[in-house]
Amino acid sequence: MEPNVGETDRTLRLAAGMLLGILGAIGALGQATFSPLIGVLLFVVGLVLLGTGFTRTCLLYRPLGIDTRSKR
């Protein structure tokens, strides 16, 4: 698959993925003010963001025709 995630997009995905992953893990263990189910959902979204950030490929961008890489 051809990458379609640019540098700024990638940086934001990695940062948000780490934050959501940590919050989700804390919530899933029952140590947060929100329910463990919300924690699991946050953790999964965080993993997806980290995965798309590392691979530089977003499957949702493909059908929408979005490409955030610079066109140099």
PDB file of N, CA and C in Angstrom:
ATOM      1  N   MET A   1       0.836  -1.181   0.000  1.00  0.00           N
ATOM      2  CA  MET A   1       0.000   0.000   0.000  1.00  0.00           C
ATOM      3  C   MET A   1       0.882   1.246   0.000  1.00  0.00           C
ATOM      4  N   GLU A   2       0.447   2.208  -0.730  1.00  0.00           N
ATOM      5  CA  GLU A   2       1.192   3.457  -0.825  1.00  0.00           C
ATOM      6  C   GLU A   2       0.862   4.353   0.361  1.00  0.00           C
ATOM      7  N   PRO A   3       1.865   4.950   1.005  1.00  0.00           N
ATOM      8  CA  PRO A   3       1.609   5.849   2.141  1.00  0.00           C
ATOM      9  C   PRO A   3       0.766   7.053   1.715  1.00  0.00           C
ATOM     10  N   ASN A   4      -0.129   7.476   2.597  1.00  0.00           N
ATOM     11  CA  ASN A   4      -0.948   8.653   2.319  1.00  0.00           C
ATOM     12  C   ASN A   4      -1.060   9.574   3.538  1.00  0.00           C
ATOM     13  N   VAL A   5      -0.159   9.393   4.509  1.00  0.00           N
ATOM     14  CA  VAL A   5      -0.153  10.208   5.721  1.00  0.00           C
ATOM     15  C   VAL A   5       1.133  11.028   5.748  1.00  0.00           C
ATOM     16  N   GLY A   6       0.993  12.348   5.811  1.00  0.00           N
ATOM     17  CA  GLY A   6       2.139  13.252   5.834  1.00  0.00           C
ATOM     18  C   GLY A   6       2.769  13.354   7.215  1.00  0.00           C
ATOM     19  N   GLU A   7       3.856  14.137   7.310  1.00  0.00           N
ATOM     20  CA  GLU A   7       4.620  14.252   8.546  1.00  0.00           C
ATOM     21  C   GLU A   7       3.813  14.855   9.701  1.00  0.00           C
ATOM     22  N   THR A   8       3.121  15.959   9.459  1.00  0.00           N
ATOM     23  CA  THR A   8       2.335  16.584  10.527  1.00  0.00           C
ATOM     24  C   THR A   8       1.214  15.664  10.969  1.00  0.00           C
ATOM     25  N   ASP A   9       0.532  15.078  10.024  1.00  0.00           N
ATOM     26  CA  ASP A   9      -0.539  14.122  10.307  1.00  0.00           C
ATOM     27  C   ASP A   9       0.009  12.951  11.116  1.00  0.00           C
ATOM     28  N   ARG A  10       1.156  12.458  10.720  1.00  0.00           N
ATOM     29  CA  ARG A  10       1.781  11.321  11.399  1.00  0.00           C
ATOM     30  C   ARG A  10       2.137  11.679  12.843  1.00  0.00           C
ATOM     31  N   THR A  11       2.737  12.843  13.040  1.00  0.00           N
ATOM     32  CA  THR A  11       3.120  13.273  14.382  1.00  0.00           C
ATOM     33  C   THR A  11       1.899  13.394  15.282  1.00  0.00           C
ATOM     34  N   LEU A  12       0.828  13.977  14.765  1.00  0.00           N
ATOM     35  CA  LEU A  12      -0.408  14.118  15.549  1.00  0.00           C
ATOM     36  C   LEU A  12      -1.022  12.758  15.864  1.00  0.00           C
ATOM     37  N   ARG A  13      -0.987  11.848  14.906  1.00  0.00           N
ATOM     38  CA  ARG A  13      -1.525  10.498  15.132  1.00  0.00           C
ATOM     39  C   ARG A  13      -0.731   9.763  16.207  1.00  0.00           C
ATOM     40  N   LEU A  14       0.593   9.867  16.148  1.00  0.00           N
ATOM     41  CA  LEU A  14       1.419   9.178  17.136  1.00  0.00           C
ATOM     42  C   LEU A  14       1.211   9.759  18.533  1.00  0.00           C
ATOM     43  N   ALA A  15       1.147  11.086  18.638  1.00  0.00           N
ATOM     44  CA  ALA A  15       0.947  11.721  19.940  1.00  0.00           C
ATOM     45  C   ALA A  15      -0.438  11.388  20.509  1.00  0.00           C
ATOM     46  N   ALA A  16      -1.463  11.505  19.672  1.00  0.00           N
ATOM     47  CA  ALA A  16      -2.829  11.207  20.132  1.00  0.00           C
ATOM     48  C   ALA A  16      -2.969   9.719  20.451  1.00  0.00           C
ATOM     49  N   GLY A  17      -2.330   8.872  19.666  1.00  0.00           N
ATOM     50  CA  GLY A  17      -2.379   7.437  19.912  1.00  0.00           C
ATOM     51  C   GLY A  17      -1.763   7.061  21.244  1.00  0.00           C
ATOM     52  N   MET A  18      -0.626   7.669  21.563  1.00  0.00           N
ATOM     53  CA  MET A  18       0.007   7.399  22.856  1.00  0.00           C
ATOM     54  C   MET A  18      -0.866   7.882  24.009  1.00  0.00           C
ATOM     55  N   LEU A  19      -1.409   9.087  23.869  1.00  0.00           N
ATOM     56  CA  LEU A  19      -2.256   9.643  24.922  1.00  0.00           C
ATOM     57  C   LEU A  19      -3.510   8.798  25.135  1.00  0.00           C
ATOM     58  N   LEU A  20      -4.199   8.469  24.061  1.00  0.00           N
ATOM     59  CA  LEU A  20      -5.407   7.664  24.188  1.00  0.00           C
ATOM     60  C   LEU A  20      -5.103   6.250  24.675  1.00  0.00           C
ATOM     61  N   GLY A  21      -3.974   5.701  24.248  1.00  0.00           N
ATOM     62  CA  GLY A  21      -3.582   4.374  24.703  1.00  0.00           C
ATOM     63  C   GLY A  21      -3.330   4.340  26.206  1.00  0.00           C
ATOM     64  N   ILE A  22      -2.651   5.351  26.704  1.00  0.00           N
ATOM     65  CA  ILE A  22      -2.376   5.422  28.144  1.00  0.00           C
ATOM     66  C   ILE A  22      -3.663   5.640  28.925  1.00  0.00           C
ATOM     67  N   LEU A  23      -4.477   6.601  28.485  1.00  0.00           N
ATOM     68  CA  LEU A  23      -5.762   6.842  29.163  1.00  0.00           C
ATOM     69  C   LEU A  23      -6.646   5.608  29.117  1.00  0.00           C
ATOM     70  N   GLY A  24      -6.652   4.944  27.978  1.00  0.00           N
ATOM     71  CA  GLY A  24      -7.463   3.742  27.830  1.00  0.00           C
ATOM     72  C   GLY A  24      -6.999   2.622  28.737  1.00  0.00           C
ATOM     73  N   ALA A  25      -5.686   2.448  28.845  1.00  0.00           N
ATOM     74  CA  ALA A  25      -5.153   1.397  29.713  1.00  0.00           C
ATOM     75  C   ALA A  25      -5.501   1.672  31.168  1.00  0.00           C
ATOM     76  N   ILE A  26      -5.387   2.920  31.572  1.00  0.00           N
ATOM     77  CA  ILE A  26      -5.746   3.290  32.949  1.00  0.00           C
ATOM     78  C   ILE A  26      -7.232   3.050  33.181  1.00  0.00           C
ATOM     79  N   GLY A  27      -8.054   3.439  32.214  1.00  0.00           N
ATOM     80  CA  GLY A  27      -9.498   3.254  32.341  1.00  0.00           C
ATOM     81  C   GLY A  27      -9.909   1.794  32.311  1.00  0.00           C
ATOM     82  N   ALA A  28      -9.246   1.005  31.473  1.00  0.00           N
ATOM     83  CA  ALA A  28      -9.598  -0.415  31.358  1.00  0.00           C
ATOM     84  C   ALA A  28      -9.279  -1.164  32.649  1.00  0.00           C
ATOM     85  N   LEU A  29      -8.309  -0.676  33.384  1.00  0.00           N
ATOM     86  CA  LEU A  29      -7.948  -1.303  34.657  1.00  0.00           C
ATOM     87  C   LEU A  29      -8.823  -0.829  35.806  1.00  0.00           C
ATOM     88  N   GLY A  30      -9.772   0.070  35.499  1.00  0.00           N
ATOM     89  CA  GLY A  30     -10.701   0.548  36.522  1.00  0.00           C
ATOM     90  C   GLY A  30     -10.131   1.625  37.424  1.00  0.00           C
ATOM     91  N   GLN A  31      -9.062   2.281  37.001  1.00  0.00           N
ATOM     92  CA  GLN A  31      -8.412   3.298  37.820  1.00  0.00           C
ATOM     93  C   GLN A  31      -8.787   4.722  37.408  1.00  0.00           C
ATOM     94  N   ALA A  32      -9.803   4.890  36.590  1.00  0.00           N
ATOM     95  CA  ALA A  32     -10.198   6.214  36.109  1.00  0.00           C
ATOM     96  C   ALA A  32     -11.649   6.476  36.487  1.00  0.00           C
ATOM     97  N   THR A  33     -12.090   7.711  36.246  1.00  0.00           N
ATOM     98  CA  THR A  33     -13.460   8.078  36.587  1.00  0.00           C
ATOM     99  C   THR A  33     -14.472   7.621  35.545  1.00  0.00           C
ATOM    100  N   PHE A  34     -14.009   7.115  34.408  1.00  0.00           N
ATOM    101  CA  PHE A  34     -14.928   6.595  33.392  1.00  0.00           C
ATOM    102  C   PHE A  34     -14.932   5.067  33.441  1.00  0.00           C
ATOM    103  N   SER A  35     -15.901   4.478  32.766  1.00  0.00           N
ATOM    104  CA  SER A  35     -16.090   3.029  32.848  1.00  0.00           C
ATOM    105  C   SER A  35     -14.963   2.268  32.135  1.00  0.00           C
ATOM    106  N   PRO A  36     -14.727   1.029  32.540  1.00  0.00           N
ATOM    107  CA  PRO A  36     -13.712   0.210  31.871  1.00  0.00           C
ATOM    108  C   PRO A  36     -13.996   0.006  30.378  1.00  0.00           C
ATOM    109  N   LEU A  37     -15.266  -0.019  29.984  1.00  0.00           N
ATOM    110  CA  LEU A  37     -15.602  -0.170  28.562  1.00  0.00           C
ATOM    111  C   LEU A  37     -15.083   1.025  27.764  1.00  0.00           C
ATOM    112  N   ILE A  38     -15.263   2.223  28.299  1.00  0.00           N
ATOM    113  CA  ILE A  38     -14.729   3.427  27.646  1.00  0.00           C
ATOM    114  C   ILE A  38     -13.208   3.329  27.571  1.00  0.00           C
ATOM    115  N   GLY A  39     -12.600   2.810  28.619  1.00  0.00           N
ATOM    116  CA  GLY A  39     -11.154   2.633  28.629  1.00  0.00           C
ATOM    117  C   GLY A  39     -10.680   1.706  27.529  1.00  0.00           C
ATOM    118  N   VAL A  40     -11.378   0.607  27.340  1.00  0.00           N
ATOM    119  CA  VAL A  40     -11.013  -0.344  26.273  1.00  0.00           C
ATOM    120  C   VAL A  40     -11.176   0.319  24.906  1.00  0.00           C
ATOM    121  N   LEU A  41     -12.263   1.056  24.714  1.00  0.00           N
ATOM    122  CA  LEU A  41     -12.481   1.739  23.430  1.00  0.00           C
ATOM    123  C   LEU A  41     -11.387   2.772  23.158  1.00  0.00           C
ATOM    124  N   LEU A  42     -11.006   3.539  24.186  1.00  0.00           N
ATOM    125  CA  LEU A  42      -9.930   4.518  24.020  1.00  0.00           C
ATOM    126  C   LEU A  42      -8.612   3.821  23.676  1.00  0.00           C
ATOM    127  N   PHE A  43      -8.363   2.694  24.322  1.00  0.00           N
ATOM    128  CA  PHE A  43      -7.141   1.940  24.066  1.00  0.00           C
ATOM    129  C   PHE A  43      -7.101   1.449  22.618  1.00  0.00           C
ATOM    130  N   VAL A  44      -8.211   0.937  22.123  1.00  0.00           N
ATOM    131  CA  VAL A  44      -8.273   0.436  20.740  1.00  0.00           C
ATOM    132  C   VAL A  44      -8.084   1.578  19.747  1.00  0.00           C
ATOM    133  N   VAL A  45      -8.736   2.704  19.981  1.00  0.00           N
ATOM    134  CA  VAL A  45      -8.564   3.861  19.086  1.00  0.00           C
ATOM    135  C   VAL A  45      -7.111   4.318  19.117  1.00  0.00           C
ATOM    136  N   GLY A  46      -6.508   4.322  20.290  1.00  0.00           N
ATOM    137  CA  GLY A  46      -5.100   4.686  20.404  1.00  0.00           C
ATOM    138  C   GLY A  46      -4.206   3.758  19.602  1.00  0.00           C
ATOM    139  N   LEU A  47      -4.480   2.450  19.665  1.00  0.00           N
ATOM    140  CA  LEU A  47      -3.697   1.486  18.888  1.00  0.00           C
ATOM    141  C   LEU A  47      -3.855   1.706  17.388  1.00  0.00           C
ATOM    142  N   VAL A  48      -5.066   2.009  16.949  1.00  0.00           N
ATOM    143  CA  VAL A  48      -5.304   2.269  15.522  1.00  0.00           C
ATOM    144  C   VAL A  48      -4.525   3.506  15.074  1.00  0.00           C
ATOM    145  N   LEU A  49      -4.557   4.559  15.885  1.00  0.00           N
ATOM    146  CA  LEU A  49      -3.817   5.779  15.535  1.00  0.00           C
ATOM    147  C   LEU A  49      -2.311   5.513  15.495  1.00  0.00           C
ATOM    148  N   LEU A  50      -1.811   4.744  16.450  1.00  0.00           N
ATOM    149  CA  LEU A  50      -0.385   4.403  16.431  1.00  0.00           C
ATOM    150  C   LEU A  50      -0.041   3.571  15.194  1.00  0.00           C
ATOM    151  N   GLY A  51      -0.893   2.620  14.855  1.00  0.00           N
ATOM    152  CA  GLY A  51      -0.646   1.786  13.685  1.00  0.00           C
ATOM    153  C   GLY A  51      -0.622   2.587  12.393  1.00  0.00           C
ATOM    154  N   THR A  52      -1.579   3.488  12.240  1.00  0.00           N
ATOM    155  CA  THR A  52      -1.611   4.295  11.018  1.00  0.00           C
ATOM    156  C   THR A  52      -0.470   5.304  10.999  1.00  0.00           C
ATOM    157  N   GLY A  53      -0.052   5.748  12.169  1.00  0.00           N
ATOM    158  CA  GLY A  53       1.092   6.662  12.228  1.00  0.00           C
ATOM    159  C   GLY A  53       2.389   5.970  11.851  1.00  0.00           C
ATOM    160  N   PHE A  54       2.593   4.753  12.337  1.00  0.00           N
ATOM    161  CA  PHE A  54       3.819   4.017  12.030  1.00  0.00           C
ATOM    162  C   PHE A  54       3.876   3.549  10.584  1.00  0.00           C
ATOM    163  N   THR A  55       2.752   3.124  10.048  1.00  0.00           N
ATOM    164  CA  THR A  55       2.746   2.632   8.664  1.00  0.00           C
ATOM    165  C   THR A  55       2.568   3.749   7.638  1.00  0.00           C
ATOM    166  N   ARG A  56       2.179   4.927   8.107  1.00  0.00           N
ATOM    167  CA  ARG A  56       1.927   6.090   7.232  1.00  0.00           C
ATOM    168  C   ARG A  56       0.832   5.820   6.210  1.00  0.00           C
ATOM    169  N   THR A  57      -0.075   4.926   6.563  1.00  0.00           N
ATOM    170  CA  THR A  57      -1.173   4.578   5.667  1.00  0.00           C
ATOM    171  C   THR A  57      -2.480   4.588   6.449  1.00  0.00           C
ATOM    172  N   CYS A  58      -3.449   5.356   5.981  1.00  0.00           N
ATOM    173  CA  CYS A  58      -4.771   5.399   6.591  1.00  0.00           C
ATOM    174  C   CYS A  58      -5.770   4.817   5.593  1.00  0.00           C
ATOM    175  N   LEU A  59      -6.410   3.734   5.996  1.00  0.00           N
ATOM    176  CA  LEU A  59      -7.357   3.074   5.094  1.00  0.00           C
ATOM    177  C   LEU A  59      -8.605   3.919   4.851  1.00  0.00           C
ATOM    178  N   LEU A  60      -8.982   4.779   5.789  1.00  0.00           N
ATOM    179  CA  LEU A  60     -10.141   5.647   5.584  1.00  0.00           C
ATOM    180  C   LEU A  60      -9.856   6.764   4.582  1.00  0.00           C
ATOM    181  N   TYR A  61      -8.592   7.156   4.453  1.00  0.00           N
ATOM    182  CA  TYR A  61      -8.229   8.190   3.489  1.00  0.00           C
ATOM    183  C   TYR A  61      -8.380   7.703   2.046  1.00  0.00           C
ATOM    184  N   ARG A  62      -8.169   6.414   1.808  1.00  0.00           N
ATOM    185  CA  ARG A  62      -8.207   5.881   0.437  1.00  0.00           C
ATOM    186  C   ARG A  62      -9.526   6.148  -0.286  1.00  0.00           C
ATOM    187  N   PRO A  63     -10.672   5.701   0.239  1.00  0.00           N
ATOM    188  CA  PRO A  63     -11.920   5.936  -0.495  1.00  0.00           C
ATOM    189  C   PRO A  63     -12.302   7.411  -0.564  1.00  0.00           C
ATOM    190  N   LEU A  64     -11.792   8.202   0.377  1.00  0.00           N
ATOM    191  CA  LEU A  64     -12.107   9.627   0.379  1.00  0.00           C
ATOM    192  C   LEU A  64     -11.161  10.435  -0.505  1.00  0.00           C
ATOM    193  N   GLY A  65     -10.095   9.788  -0.988  1.00  0.00           N
ATOM    194  CA  GLY A  65      -9.141  10.472  -1.871  1.00  0.00           C
ATOM    195  C   GLY A  65      -8.263  11.476  -1.146  1.00  0.00           C
ATOM    196  N   ILE A  66      -8.021  11.281   0.146  1.00  0.00           N
ATOM    197  CA  ILE A  66      -7.221  12.207   0.932  1.00  0.00           C
ATOM    198  C   ILE A  66      -5.781  11.721   0.961  1.00  0.00           C
ATOM    199  N   ASP A  67      -4.852  12.646   0.766  1.00  0.00           N
ATOM    200  CA  ASP A  67      -3.420  12.363   0.854  1.00  0.00           C
ATOM    201  C   ASP A  67      -2.767  13.577   1.493  1.00  0.00           C
ATOM    202  N   THR A  68      -2.242  13.429   2.707  1.00  0.00           N
ATOM    203  CA  THR A  68      -1.680  14.574   3.435  1.00  0.00           C
ATOM    204  C   THR A  68      -0.170  14.707   3.263  1.00  0.00           C
ATOM    205  N   ARG A  69       0.414  13.883   2.389  1.00  0.00           N
ATOM    206  CA  ARG A  69       1.849  14.039   2.117  1.00  0.00           C
ATOM    207  C   ARG A  69       2.069  15.281   1.272  1.00  0.00           C
ATOM    208  N   SER A  70       3.253  15.900   1.425  1.00  0.00           N
ATOM    209  CA  SER A  70       3.556  17.075   0.608  1.00  0.00           C
ATOM    210  C   SER A  70       3.827  16.644  -0.829  1.00  0.00           C
ATOM    211  N   LYS A  71       3.442  17.464  -1.760  1.00  0.00           N
ATOM    212  CA  LYS A  71       3.570  17.150  -3.202  1.00  0.00           C
ATOM    213  C   LYS A  71       4.793  17.859  -3.799  1.00  0.00           C
ATOM    214  N   ARG A  72       5.971  17.546  -3.325  1.00  0.00           N
ATOM    215  CA  ARG A  72       7.186  18.225  -3.822  1.00  0.00           C
ATOM    216  C   ARG A  72       7.669  17.632  -5.105  1.00  0.00           C
TER     217      ARG A  72
END
